[in-house]
Amino acid sequence: MNCKFFLVCVCLLSLSLSAQGKIDFDSSGFQAVVKRAKSENKPVFYMLYATWCAHCNKMKNEVFTDTLVSNFINKNYISAWQDIEKGEGEMFKKKFGIKYFPTFIFFDQNGNELYNISGEFKPTEFVAEAKNALIREKQLPYLEAQFNADVSNADKCLAYLSALNKGRDRQLLSPIAAKYLATQKDEQLISANNWKIIANGVTDIQSREFQYVLGHIKEFEGVSSAKRVQRKIENTVNEFLMPAVELSDTLTYKKRRFIAQTINMRRVDSLLFGFDTQLAVKVNNWKNYRKVTQSNTEKFAWNDAKTLLDIAGNYQKNIIESAALLDAIKWTQRAIILNETYDAEILLARLYLKNKDKKSAQQWAEKAKAKNAAFGWKTTEADEILSQIATKN
């Protein structure tokens, strides 16, 4: 074979394979993409991403370059994408309730939403979802119409909720679940399908359905499992309190915490402890942080080395009272018993030094230094503490 001809063939094959392994994303804007979809008679596949999102970048760099994915998408869809923090990103966030990244929305030629999923997928999983988006019986408009035609039908409600749950925030599912559950008497709630609807669509801690679950835990465990019921209770408490913590809204948190506390379960009380400490840190309320941690650290974090060290670290940085520092020392010593590490020993040395116990500080700094030096690792923090002690002497 002619050598030049062979090289040309190889180059053409390489270009062909490269083209097959790439999705041609349109970034001209939603209306322009819909117009193109009409002219080419194809549905639209839209990726909503954030540049800082590791899952988004993995989908772009690994999944969308897979020929199985790119060939299917290129054949069946007009593809487009939008940085959620630029241009039309805000419009997509508001209109479709986007909170998770990446989110993938499938539209018909007129720009009507058909299917919505979010998260990171393997190539075969993503193609399976993209195929589902082409099936009328699995599309959101069909499922919505089926549900609205018979709102007392558990199967239709569950099918609609399950489809929405792939890409929607759970809070947006609540009105649909509430519409169905309003058709059910209390005693009817304890069934496998009704439990699934409650688990997927009930987010209001004060709702009739959630309160009924709290009053009939054993019965719901019978149609589900103890683990699932416990997880639902914890997730609902999380969803109830987390927004106030994220916004540093102490007034709303206080009101909602009072409601959550009435559940009177150890696992819930442990969640409240976590939220109490998070909020105190966010608003720099170290007086309240000390109050909360002194009351509950040994009750809820005694066997959790990481949490013990996090709390003790906050004491070392932000609290000066000697009695409080002695508590932090005790918690750090407990963490070392659970998991003896260089960082824990350094923290203990710093706590002792802050509490003016230079002898103990020196002992733990030297121990930490010897530990890392034996492995040829850096001992910078230990050297700094030992230098401070020498200077003060």
Protein backbone atom coordinates (compact mmCIF):
# COMPACT_ATOMS: atom_id res chain seq x y z
CA MET A 1 0.00 0.00 0.00
CA ASN A 2 1.23 3.51 -0.81
CA CYS A 3 2.65 5.02 2.39
CA LYS A 4 1.06 8.45 1.84
CA PHE A 5 -2.33 6.86 1.14
CA PHE A 6 -2.05 4.83 4.35
CA LEU A 7 -1.25 7.94 6.41
CA VAL A 8 -4.21 9.80 4.92
CA CYS A 9 -6.51 6.88 5.83
CA VAL A 10 -5.19 6.82 9.38
CA CYS A 11 -5.74 10.58 9.76
CA LEU A 12 -9.28 10.37 8.39
CA LEU A 13 -10.09 7.48 10.73
CA SER A 14 -8.66 9.42 13.66
CA LEU A 15 -10.75 12.48 12.79
CA SER A 16 -13.84 10.32 12.42
CA LEU A 17 -13.34 8.70 15.83
CA SER A 18 -12.68 12.09 17.39
CA ALA A 19 -15.88 13.49 15.94
CA GLN A 20 -17.85 10.49 17.18
CA GLY A 21 -16.56 11.03 20.73
CA LYS A 22 -17.84 14.57 21.06
CA ILE A 23 -21.24 16.17 21.64
CA ASP A 24 -21.72 19.43 19.78
CA PHE A 25 -23.20 21.68 22.48
CA ASP A 26 -25.02 24.80 21.34
CA SER A 27 -24.61 27.85 23.60
CA SER A 28 -26.63 30.37 21.56
CA GLY A 29 -29.49 30.59 24.10
CA PHE A 30 -32.75 28.81 24.81
CA GLN A 31 -34.95 30.46 22.16
CA ALA A 32 -32.34 30.00 19.44
CA VAL A 33 -31.93 26.34 20.39
CA VAL A 34 -35.71 25.76 20.32
CA LYS A 35 -35.91 27.43 16.89
CA ARG A 36 -33.17 25.12 15.65
CA ALA A 37 -34.96 22.11 17.16
CA LYS A 38 -38.12 22.97 15.23
CA SER A 39 -36.25 23.30 11.94
CA GLU A 40 -34.37 20.00 12.47
CA ASN A 41 -37.40 18.23 13.98
CA LYS A 42 -35.50 16.98 17.05
CA PRO A 43 -36.03 17.26 20.82
CA VAL A 44 -33.51 19.23 22.89
CA PHE A 45 -31.04 17.99 25.47
CA TYR A 46 -29.85 20.77 27.82
CA MET A 47 -27.01 20.55 30.34
CA LEU A 48 -27.07 23.06 33.23
CA TYR A 49 -23.68 23.19 34.95
CA ALA A 50 -21.37 25.21 37.17
CA THR A 51 -17.67 25.62 36.41
CA TRP A 52 -16.73 24.75 40.00
CA CYS A 53 -18.81 21.55 40.01
CA ALA A 54 -16.58 18.45 39.94
CA HIS A 55 -19.48 16.21 38.84
CA CYS A 56 -20.24 18.57 35.94
CA ASN A 57 -16.63 18.50 34.78
CA LYS A 58 -16.49 14.73 35.02
CA MET A 59 -19.62 14.41 32.88
CA LYS A 60 -18.12 16.80 30.31
CA ASN A 61 -14.66 15.23 30.19
CA GLU A 62 -15.40 11.55 30.65
CA VAL A 63 -19.05 10.70 29.96
CA PHE A 64 -19.85 13.02 27.05
CA THR A 65 -16.65 12.00 25.27
CA ASP A 66 -17.71 8.35 25.41
CA THR A 67 -18.78 7.26 21.91
CA LEU A 68 -21.80 5.34 23.25
CA VAL A 69 -23.14 8.57 24.74
CA SER A 70 -22.09 11.03 22.04
CA ASN A 71 -23.38 8.86 19.19
CA PHE A 72 -26.81 8.45 20.82
CA ILE A 73 -27.17 12.11 21.82
CA ASN A 74 -25.95 13.46 18.48
CA LYS A 75 -28.34 11.19 16.60
CA ASN A 76 -31.45 11.91 18.67
CA TYR A 77 -31.13 15.42 20.13
CA ILE A 78 -30.15 19.00 19.60
CA SER A 79 -27.65 19.52 22.44
CA ALA A 80 -27.16 22.73 24.38
CA TRP A 81 -25.64 23.84 27.65
CA GLN A 82 -25.71 26.76 30.03
CA ASP A 83 -23.43 27.91 32.83
CA ILE A 84 -25.92 28.35 35.66
CA GLU A 85 -24.05 31.40 36.96
CA LYS A 86 -24.11 33.32 33.68
CA GLY A 87 -26.55 34.54 31.05
CA GLU A 88 -29.79 32.58 31.13
CA GLY A 89 -28.65 30.53 34.12
CA GLU A 90 -30.85 32.42 36.57
CA MET A 91 -33.89 31.89 34.33
CA PHE A 92 -33.31 28.13 34.31
CA LYS A 93 -32.81 28.05 38.09
CA LYS A 94 -36.07 29.86 38.80
CA LYS A 95 -38.22 28.21 36.16
CA PHE A 96 -37.13 24.63 36.83
CA GLY A 97 -36.19 24.83 40.52
CA ILE A 98 -32.59 23.78 39.92
CA LYS A 99 -30.56 23.21 43.07
CA TYR A 100 -28.30 20.32 42.06
CA PHE A 101 -25.54 20.19 39.48
CA PRO A 102 -25.27 19.01 36.87
CA THR A 103 -28.94 19.03 35.85
CA PHE A 104 -30.04 17.68 32.48
CA ILE A 105 -33.38 18.76 31.01
CA PHE A 106 -34.94 17.25 27.91
CA PHE A 107 -37.38 19.42 25.91
CA ASP A 108 -39.64 18.87 22.93
CA GLN A 109 -39.30 20.98 19.76
CA ASN A 110 -41.52 23.68 21.33
CA GLY A 111 -39.43 24.05 24.47
CA ASN A 112 -41.77 22.06 26.73
CA GLU A 113 -40.03 20.08 29.46
CA LEU A 114 -40.20 16.30 28.93
CA TYR A 115 -37.71 14.84 31.38
CA ASN A 116 -35.38 16.10 34.09
CA ILE A 117 -32.45 14.36 35.80
CA SER A 118 -29.51 15.51 37.90
CA GLY A 119 -26.23 14.12 39.16
CA GLU A 120 -23.31 12.13 37.83
CA PHE A 121 -23.93 9.10 35.60
CA LYS A 122 -21.93 6.36 33.98
CA PRO A 123 -22.16 6.24 30.17
CA THR A 124 -24.61 3.32 30.04
CA GLU A 125 -26.76 4.87 32.78
CA PHE A 126 -26.91 8.19 30.99
CA VAL A 127 -27.91 6.63 27.68
CA ALA A 128 -30.66 4.69 29.45
CA GLU A 129 -32.04 7.96 30.87
CA ALA A 130 -31.76 9.70 27.50
CA LYS A 131 -33.77 6.84 25.99
CA ASN A 132 -36.42 7.18 28.72
CA ALA A 133 -36.78 10.84 27.79
CA LEU A 134 -37.95 9.77 24.32
CA ILE A 135 -40.68 7.45 25.64
CA ARG A 136 -44.04 9.24 25.94
CA GLU A 137 -45.23 7.16 28.92
CA LYS A 138 -42.14 8.19 30.92
CA GLN A 139 -42.30 11.89 30.11
CA LEU A 140 -43.44 14.44 32.68
CA PRO A 141 -46.42 15.89 30.73
CA TYR A 142 -47.91 12.41 30.27
CA LEU A 143 -47.35 11.42 33.91
CA GLU A 144 -48.78 14.72 35.13
CA ALA A 145 -51.91 14.33 32.99
CA GLN A 146 -52.39 10.74 34.18
CA PHE A 147 -52.10 11.82 37.82
CA ASN A 148 -54.42 14.83 37.50
CA ALA A 149 -57.04 12.65 35.84
CA ASP A 150 -57.16 10.44 38.96
CA VAL A 151 -55.51 12.10 41.97
CA SER A 152 -56.59 9.30 44.32
CA ASN A 153 -54.60 6.69 42.36
CA ALA A 154 -51.46 5.80 44.32
CA ASP A 155 -49.71 4.16 41.36
CA LYS A 156 -50.15 7.23 39.15
CA CYS A 157 -49.05 9.57 41.92
CA LEU A 158 -45.99 7.46 42.66
CA ALA A 159 -45.03 7.25 38.97
CA TYR A 160 -45.20 11.03 38.65
CA LEU A 161 -43.27 11.64 41.89
CA SER A 162 -40.60 9.10 40.94
CA ALA A 163 -39.99 10.84 37.61
CA LEU A 164 -39.84 14.28 39.21
CA ASN A 165 -37.56 13.04 41.97
CA LYS A 166 -34.80 12.34 39.43
CA GLY A 167 -34.13 16.02 38.96
CA ARG A 168 -36.29 18.11 41.28
CA ASP A 169 -35.69 19.32 44.79
CA ARG A 170 -37.91 17.30 47.15
CA GLN A 171 -39.64 20.46 48.34
CA LEU A 172 -41.16 20.89 44.88
CA LEU A 173 -42.75 17.44 45.08
CA SER A 174 -44.71 18.26 48.23
CA PRO A 175 -47.81 19.80 46.57
CA ILE A 176 -48.27 16.71 44.39
CA ALA A 177 -47.96 14.32 47.31
CA ALA A 178 -50.28 16.52 49.39
CA LYS A 179 -52.91 16.48 46.63
CA TYR A 180 -52.97 12.67 46.64
CA LEU A 181 -52.64 12.19 50.41
CA ALA A 182 -55.63 14.47 50.99
CA THR A 183 -57.73 11.68 49.44
CA GLN A 184 -56.50 9.18 52.05
CA LYS A 185 -57.87 8.67 55.55
CA ASP A 186 -55.36 8.24 58.38
CA GLU A 187 -55.77 4.47 58.56
CA GLN A 188 -55.18 4.20 54.80
CA LEU A 189 -51.74 5.80 55.05
CA ILE A 190 -50.11 2.59 56.28
CA SER A 191 -49.49 0.81 52.98
CA ALA A 192 -46.40 0.17 50.88
CA ASN A 193 -47.34 2.67 48.15
CA ASN A 194 -48.51 5.34 50.56
CA TRP A 195 -45.28 5.00 52.50
CA LYS A 196 -43.31 5.55 49.27
CA ILE A 197 -45.36 8.65 48.51
CA ILE A 198 -44.78 9.98 52.02
CA ALA A 199 -41.08 9.17 51.82
CA ASN A 200 -40.66 10.93 48.47
CA GLY A 201 -43.10 13.82 48.78
CA VAL A 202 -43.72 14.84 52.39
CA THR A 203 -41.30 17.48 53.68
CA ASP A 204 -43.40 19.37 56.21
CA ILE A 205 -42.54 18.24 59.73
CA GLN A 206 -45.92 19.55 60.95
CA SER A 207 -48.01 17.89 58.25
CA ARG A 208 -50.72 15.40 59.14
CA GLU A 209 -48.89 12.60 57.30
CA PHE A 210 -45.51 13.14 58.96
CA GLN A 211 -47.07 13.41 62.40
CA TYR A 212 -48.98 10.20 61.68
CA VAL A 213 -45.69 8.47 60.83
CA LEU A 214 -44.22 9.62 64.16
CA GLY A 215 -47.21 8.18 65.98
CA HIS A 216 -47.14 4.85 64.10
CA ILE A 217 -43.46 4.12 63.55
CA LYS A 218 -43.74 0.36 64.11
CA GLU A 219 -46.60 0.04 61.63
CA PHE A 220 -44.69 1.92 58.94
CA GLU A 221 -41.61 -0.18 59.63
CA GLY A 222 -43.81 -3.15 58.81
CA VAL A 223 -44.56 -1.91 55.27
CA SER A 224 -41.05 -0.54 54.76
CA SER A 225 -38.14 -1.08 57.16
CA ALA A 226 -36.86 0.40 60.40
CA LYS A 227 -33.86 1.87 58.58
CA ARG A 228 -35.98 3.59 55.92
CA VAL A 229 -38.42 5.05 58.45
CA GLN A 230 -35.57 6.35 60.60
CA ARG A 231 -33.87 7.84 57.55
CA LYS A 232 -37.11 9.58 56.51
CA ILE A 233 -37.51 11.16 59.93
CA GLU A 234 -33.91 12.38 59.93
CA ASN A 235 -34.11 13.68 56.35
CA THR A 236 -37.29 15.60 57.12
CA VAL A 237 -35.69 17.23 60.15
CA ASN A 238 -32.65 18.10 58.01
CA GLU A 239 -34.82 19.65 55.30
CA PHE A 240 -36.77 21.58 57.92
CA LEU A 241 -33.76 23.11 59.69
CA MET A 242 -30.99 23.33 57.09
CA PRO A 243 -32.26 26.42 55.21
CA ALA A 244 -32.29 28.50 58.39
CA VAL A 245 -28.77 27.38 59.26
CA GLU A 246 -27.47 28.09 55.76
CA LEU A 247 -28.97 31.60 55.87
CA SER A 248 -27.75 32.18 59.46
CA ASP A 249 -31.38 32.94 60.30
CA THR A 250 -31.26 32.45 64.07
CA LEU A 251 -34.86 33.51 64.67
CA THR A 252 -36.36 31.03 62.20
CA TYR A 253 -34.00 28.33 63.40
CA LYS A 254 -35.05 28.84 67.01
CA LYS A 255 -38.73 28.48 66.09
CA ARG A 256 -38.19 25.42 63.92
CA ARG A 257 -35.82 23.81 66.40
CA PHE A 258 -38.52 23.98 69.07
CA ILE A 259 -40.87 22.08 66.75
CA ALA A 260 -38.24 19.48 65.80
CA GLN A 261 -37.31 18.91 69.44
CA THR A 262 -40.85 17.69 70.17
CA ILE A 263 -40.06 14.52 68.17
CA ASN A 264 -38.09 13.41 71.24
CA MET A 265 -35.78 10.86 69.58
CA ARG A 266 -32.08 10.47 70.32
CA ARG A 267 -31.11 10.50 66.64
CA VAL A 268 -33.05 13.72 66.13
CA ASP A 269 -31.51 15.25 69.26
CA SER A 270 -28.09 14.38 67.81
CA LEU A 271 -29.02 16.21 64.60
CA LEU A 272 -30.10 19.23 66.63
CA PHE A 273 -26.75 19.22 68.41
CA GLY A 274 -25.00 19.31 65.03
CA PHE A 275 -27.17 22.16 63.76
CA ASP A 276 -26.79 24.09 67.02
CA THR A 277 -23.00 24.01 66.72
CA GLN A 278 -23.01 24.83 62.99
CA LEU A 279 -25.18 27.89 63.49
CA ALA A 280 -23.19 29.12 66.47
CA VAL A 281 -20.00 28.94 64.40
CA LYS A 282 -21.61 30.72 61.43
CA VAL A 283 -22.77 33.67 63.55
CA ASN A 284 -19.68 33.66 65.82
CA ASN A 285 -21.75 33.10 68.94
CA TRP A 286 -19.05 31.41 70.98
CA LYS A 287 -20.94 31.83 74.24
CA ASN A 288 -23.76 29.69 72.87
CA TYR A 289 -21.28 27.34 71.20
CA ARG A 290 -19.67 26.68 74.58
CA LYS A 291 -23.06 26.16 76.21
CA VAL A 292 -24.19 23.66 73.56
CA THR A 293 -20.94 21.70 73.41
CA GLN A 294 -20.46 21.48 77.17
CA SER A 295 -23.96 20.06 77.53
CA ASN A 296 -23.94 17.58 74.68
CA THR A 297 -20.47 16.75 73.31
CA GLU A 298 -19.98 13.65 75.45
CA LYS A 299 -23.58 12.61 74.88
CA PHE A 300 -23.52 12.76 71.09
CA ALA A 301 -19.87 12.86 69.95
CA TRP A 302 -17.93 10.78 72.49
CA ASN A 303 -17.14 8.07 69.93
CA ASP A 304 -16.60 10.39 66.96
CA ALA A 305 -12.95 11.48 66.82
CA LYS A 306 -13.46 13.95 63.98
CA THR A 307 -16.29 15.82 65.70
CA LEU A 308 -14.40 15.88 68.99
CA LEU A 309 -11.39 17.43 67.25
CA ASP A 310 -13.55 19.94 65.36
CA ILE A 311 -15.11 21.12 68.62
CA ALA A 312 -11.80 21.20 70.48
CA GLY A 313 -10.24 23.10 67.56
CA ASN A 314 -12.90 25.77 67.82
CA TYR A 315 -12.21 26.07 71.53
CA GLN A 316 -8.50 26.47 70.85
CA LYS A 317 -9.15 29.28 68.35
CA ASN A 318 -12.05 31.13 69.96
CA ILE A 319 -12.45 30.43 73.69
CA ILE A 320 -10.14 31.57 76.47
CA GLU A 321 -11.69 30.40 79.77
CA SER A 322 -9.47 27.87 81.51
CA ALA A 323 -12.33 25.57 82.55
CA ALA A 324 -13.56 25.42 78.97
CA LEU A 325 -10.05 24.67 77.68
CA LEU A 326 -9.81 21.78 80.13
CA ASP A 327 -12.98 20.35 78.55
CA ALA A 328 -11.42 20.71 75.10
CA ILE A 329 -8.29 18.95 76.37
CA LYS A 330 -10.42 16.07 77.65
CA TRP A 331 -12.23 15.77 74.30
CA THR A 332 -8.95 15.83 72.38
CA GLN A 333 -7.49 13.13 74.63
CA ARG A 334 -10.57 11.03 73.90
CA ALA A 335 -10.11 11.60 70.15
CA ILE A 336 -6.50 10.41 70.43
CA ILE A 337 -7.67 7.24 72.15
CA LEU A 338 -10.05 6.66 69.24
CA ASN A 339 -7.54 7.61 66.55
CA GLU A 340 -4.03 8.69 67.46
CA THR A 341 -2.81 11.17 64.83
CA TYR A 342 -0.18 13.88 64.51
CA ASP A 343 -2.84 16.58 64.03
CA ALA A 344 -4.68 15.53 67.19
CA GLU A 345 -1.45 15.61 69.21
CA ILE A 346 -0.60 19.06 67.83
CA LEU A 347 -4.05 20.33 68.81
CA LEU A 348 -3.62 18.94 72.30
CA ALA A 349 -0.24 20.65 72.61
CA ARG A 350 -1.78 23.97 71.51
CA LEU A 351 -4.64 23.62 73.99
CA TYR A 352 -2.22 22.95 76.83
CA LEU A 353 -0.10 25.92 75.78
CA LYS A 354 -3.13 28.23 75.61
CA ASN A 355 -4.09 27.03 79.10
CA LYS A 356 -0.56 27.89 80.31
CA ASP A 357 0.50 24.28 80.90
CA LYS A 358 3.84 24.49 79.08
CA LYS A 359 5.11 21.16 80.41
CA SER A 360 2.23 19.17 78.95
CA ALA A 361 2.31 21.24 75.75
CA GLN A 362 5.99 20.40 75.30
CA GLN A 363 5.41 16.68 75.93
CA TRP A 364 2.70 16.45 73.25
CA ALA A 365 4.56 18.61 70.76
CA GLU A 366 7.65 16.41 71.15
CA LYS A 367 5.53 13.28 70.79
CA ALA A 368 3.92 14.64 67.62
CA LYS A 369 7.32 15.64 66.22
CA ALA A 370 8.79 12.19 66.88
CA LYS A 371 5.81 10.55 65.19
CA ASN A 372 6.18 12.49 61.94
CA ALA A 373 9.97 12.54 61.97
CA ALA A 374 10.01 8.72 62.12
CA PHE A 375 8.25 8.68 58.75
CA GLY A 376 10.29 11.52 57.29
CA TRP A 377 7.25 13.83 57.30
CA LYS A 378 7.11 17.55 58.07
CA THR A 379 7.14 18.63 61.71
CA THR A 380 6.54 22.35 61.15
CA GLU A 381 3.64 22.73 63.61
CA ALA A 382 5.45 20.83 66.36
CA ASP A 383 8.61 22.91 65.83
CA GLU A 384 6.58 26.14 66.05
CA ILE A 385 5.01 25.09 69.37
CA LEU A 386 8.37 24.05 70.81
CA SER A 387 9.86 27.37 69.67
CA GLN A 388 7.06 29.32 71.39
CA ILE A 389 7.64 27.38 74.62
CA ALA A 390 11.39 28.03 74.45
CA THR A 391 10.79 31.75 73.85
CA LYS A 392 8.40 32.02 76.79
CA ASN A 393 10.89 30.27 79.03
